[in-house]
Protein backbone atom coordinates (compact mmCIF):
# COMPACT_ATOMS: atom_id res chain seq x y z
CA MET A 1 -26.01 -315.28 80.22
CA SER A 2 -29.15 -315.73 78.19
CA ALA A 3 -30.22 -313.33 75.47
CA PRO A 4 -33.02 -310.82 76.30
CA ALA A 5 -36.53 -311.60 74.92
CA PRO A 6 -37.41 -309.72 71.76
CA ASP A 7 -40.28 -307.99 73.42
CA ALA A 8 -37.98 -306.68 76.15
CA LEU A 9 -35.73 -305.22 73.47
CA ALA A 10 -38.57 -303.59 71.68
CA ASP A 11 -39.83 -302.03 74.93
CA ASP A 12 -36.25 -300.63 75.57
CA LEU A 13 -36.03 -298.83 72.21
CA LEU A 14 -37.03 -295.22 71.69
CA ILE A 15 -37.33 -294.16 68.07
CA GLY A 16 -37.47 -290.48 67.15
CA ALA A 17 -36.41 -287.39 68.94
CA ALA A 18 -39.89 -286.78 70.32
CA GLN A 19 -39.97 -290.18 72.02
CA ILE A 20 -36.48 -289.55 73.42
CA ALA A 21 -37.59 -286.07 74.72
CA ARG A 22 -40.71 -287.52 76.28
CA HIS A 23 -38.62 -290.14 78.11
CA ILE A 24 -35.98 -287.73 79.35
CA PHE A 25 -37.83 -284.48 79.89
CA GLY A 26 -41.44 -285.76 80.23
CA SER A 27 -42.69 -283.67 77.20
CA ASP A 28 -42.19 -283.80 73.44
CA GLU A 29 -42.51 -280.07 72.92
CA ASP A 30 -40.44 -278.61 70.16
CA ARG A 31 -37.91 -277.07 72.65
CA PHE A 32 -37.24 -280.44 74.26
CA THR A 33 -37.01 -282.18 70.82
CA ARG A 34 -34.41 -279.62 69.75
CA ARG A 35 -32.55 -280.12 73.05
CA VAL A 36 -32.26 -283.85 72.20
CA TYR A 37 -30.58 -283.01 68.87
CA TYR A 38 -28.27 -280.59 70.69
CA LEU A 39 -27.37 -283.23 73.27
CA MET A 40 -26.68 -285.68 70.43
CA GLY A 41 -24.26 -283.43 68.64
CA ARG A 42 -22.86 -280.38 70.27
CA ALA A 43 -22.98 -280.95 74.08
CA LYS A 44 -19.81 -281.73 76.05
CA CYS A 45 -21.42 -284.95 77.39
CA ARG A 46 -23.15 -286.47 74.36
CA LEU A 47 -26.44 -288.27 74.57
CA PRO A 48 -25.87 -291.93 73.80
CA SER A 49 -27.89 -292.48 70.67
CA PHE A 50 -27.70 -293.93 67.14
CA ARG A 51 -29.46 -293.68 63.85
CA LEU A 52 -31.97 -296.07 62.31
CA GLY A 53 -32.04 -294.94 58.75
CA PHE A 54 -32.99 -291.25 58.99
CA GLN A 55 -34.44 -291.47 62.46
CA VAL A 56 -32.55 -291.07 65.76
CA ALA A 57 -32.95 -293.78 68.31
CA ALA A 58 -31.79 -294.56 71.83
CA ARG A 59 -32.25 -297.27 74.42
CA LYS A 60 -34.04 -296.51 77.68
CA SER A 61 -31.55 -298.58 79.63
CA THR A 62 -28.53 -296.74 78.18
CA LEU A 63 -30.15 -293.33 78.82
CA ARG A 64 -30.83 -294.33 82.44
CA GLN A 65 -27.15 -295.09 82.90
CA TRP A 66 -26.17 -291.82 81.18
CA ILE A 67 -28.41 -289.83 83.40
CA ILE A 68 -27.14 -291.36 86.64
């Protein structure tokens, strides 16, 4: 199995709660951004995410699997 191209990895990465909210909910309004933080921490089924320094991040491919 070959490693994915660096461009493909960069396209798969969402950095910041606003980008994650835009990908999941279709909008980056404050209420959806807050919902991302809720899903990351307190929800029964936690959002698959990680931190890059002080920012939250997630992969589109992992979120797709989590939603389905």
